[in-house]
Protein backbone atom coordinates (compact mmCIF):
# COMPACT_ATOMS: atom_id res chain seq x y z
CA UNK A 1 133.29 123.23 101.07
CA UNK A 2 135.52 122.05 98.53
CA UNK A 3 134.23 121.37 94.88
CA UNK A 4 134.54 117.63 95.45
CA UNK A 5 132.29 117.88 98.64
CA UNK A 6 129.83 119.56 96.61
CA UNK A 7 130.12 117.43 93.99
CA UNK A 8 130.26 114.05 95.63
CA UNK A 9 127.12 115.54 97.55
CA UNK A 10 125.50 116.11 94.20
CA UNK A 11 126.52 112.97 92.94
CA UNK A 12 124.90 111.35 96.27
CA UNK A 13 121.55 112.79 96.52
CA UNK A 14 120.92 112.20 92.05
CA UNK A 15 122.00 108.51 92.46
CA UNK A 16 119.36 108.17 95.84
CA UNK A 17 117.00 109.50 93.66
CA UNK A 18 117.31 107.01 91.06
CA UNK A 19 117.02 104.21 93.67
CA UNK A 20 113.93 106.00 94.81
CA UNK A 21 112.33 106.07 91.20
CA UNK A 22 113.59 102.45 90.53
CA UNK A 23 111.66 101.25 94.22
CA UNK A 24 108.72 103.42 92.43
CA UNK A 25 108.89 101.75 89.34
CA UNK A 26 108.80 98.52 91.04
CA UNK A 27 106.02 99.03 92.59
CA UNK A 28 104.19 100.48 89.94
CA UNK A 29 105.12 96.80 87.78
CA UNK A 30 103.45 95.27 90.29
CA UNK A 31 100.54 96.79 90.36
CA UNK A 32 100.33 96.64 86.39
CA UNK A 33 100.78 92.71 86.88
CA UNK A 34 97.84 92.40 90.08
CA UNK A 35 95.46 94.42 86.92
CA UNK A 36 96.88 91.78 84.54
CA UNK A 37 96.03 88.82 86.94
CA UNK A 38 92.31 90.66 87.81
CA UNK A 39 92.08 90.69 84.08
CA UNK A 40 93.33 87.43 83.26
CA UNK A 41 90.67 85.86 86.12
CA UNK A 42 87.39 87.22 84.86
CA UNK A 43 88.27 85.92 81.56
CA UNK A 44 90.40 88.14 79.23
CA UNK A 45 92.95 87.46 77.04
CA UNK A 46 95.98 89.38 78.80
CA UNK A 47 98.25 89.09 75.72
CA UNK A 48 95.40 91.10 73.39
CA UNK A 49 95.50 93.30 76.58
CA UNK A 50 99.47 93.94 75.89
CA UNK A 51 98.83 94.65 71.76
CA UNK A 52 95.77 96.31 71.97
CA UNK A 53 97.96 98.73 74.62
CA UNK A 54 100.96 98.86 72.67
CA UNK A 55 98.35 99.66 69.68
CA UNK A 56 96.84 103.09 71.30
CA UNK A 57 100.18 103.94 71.90
CA UNK A 58 100.84 104.54 68.11
CA UNK A 59 100.34 107.53 66.02
CA UNK A 60 97.60 107.16 64.24
CA UNK A 61 99.40 107.11 60.86
CA UNK A 62 101.82 104.54 61.83
CA UNK A 63 98.89 102.37 63.16
CA UNK A 64 97.62 102.99 59.20
CA UNK A 65 100.92 101.65 58.09
CA UNK A 66 101.42 99.11 60.17
CA UNK A 67 98.01 97.59 59.24
CA UNK A 68 98.95 98.27 55.50
CA UNK A 69 101.63 96.24 55.83
CA UNK A 70 100.06 93.60 57.64
CA UNK A 71 97.05 93.07 55.71
CA UNK A 72 100.24 93.06 52.72
CA UNK A 73 101.99 90.52 54.19
CA UNK A 74 98.87 88.60 54.76
CA UNK A 75 97.80 88.62 50.99
CA UNK A 76 101.33 87.36 49.91
CA UNK A 77 101.01 84.45 52.47
CA UNK A 78 97.53 83.58 51.00
CA UNK A 79 95.88 84.22 54.70
CA UNK A 80 93.42 87.07 53.73
């Protein structure tokens, strides 16, 4: 087997793996949409749920910094 055919085979396998993963990702995204739809049907605010999920991904110090900045900006705008 020549190096060209080995490289072509490897490239094809990599492409096929990516395609499978993209399909799995689409399936997971659809599942997440379904969970949000269920939450909405049960009266939950999905916009707030998305924000909470975003906050839970943050490191503690990042969250504290963000909260401090939000409070500073709110105070500056007379919203505190």
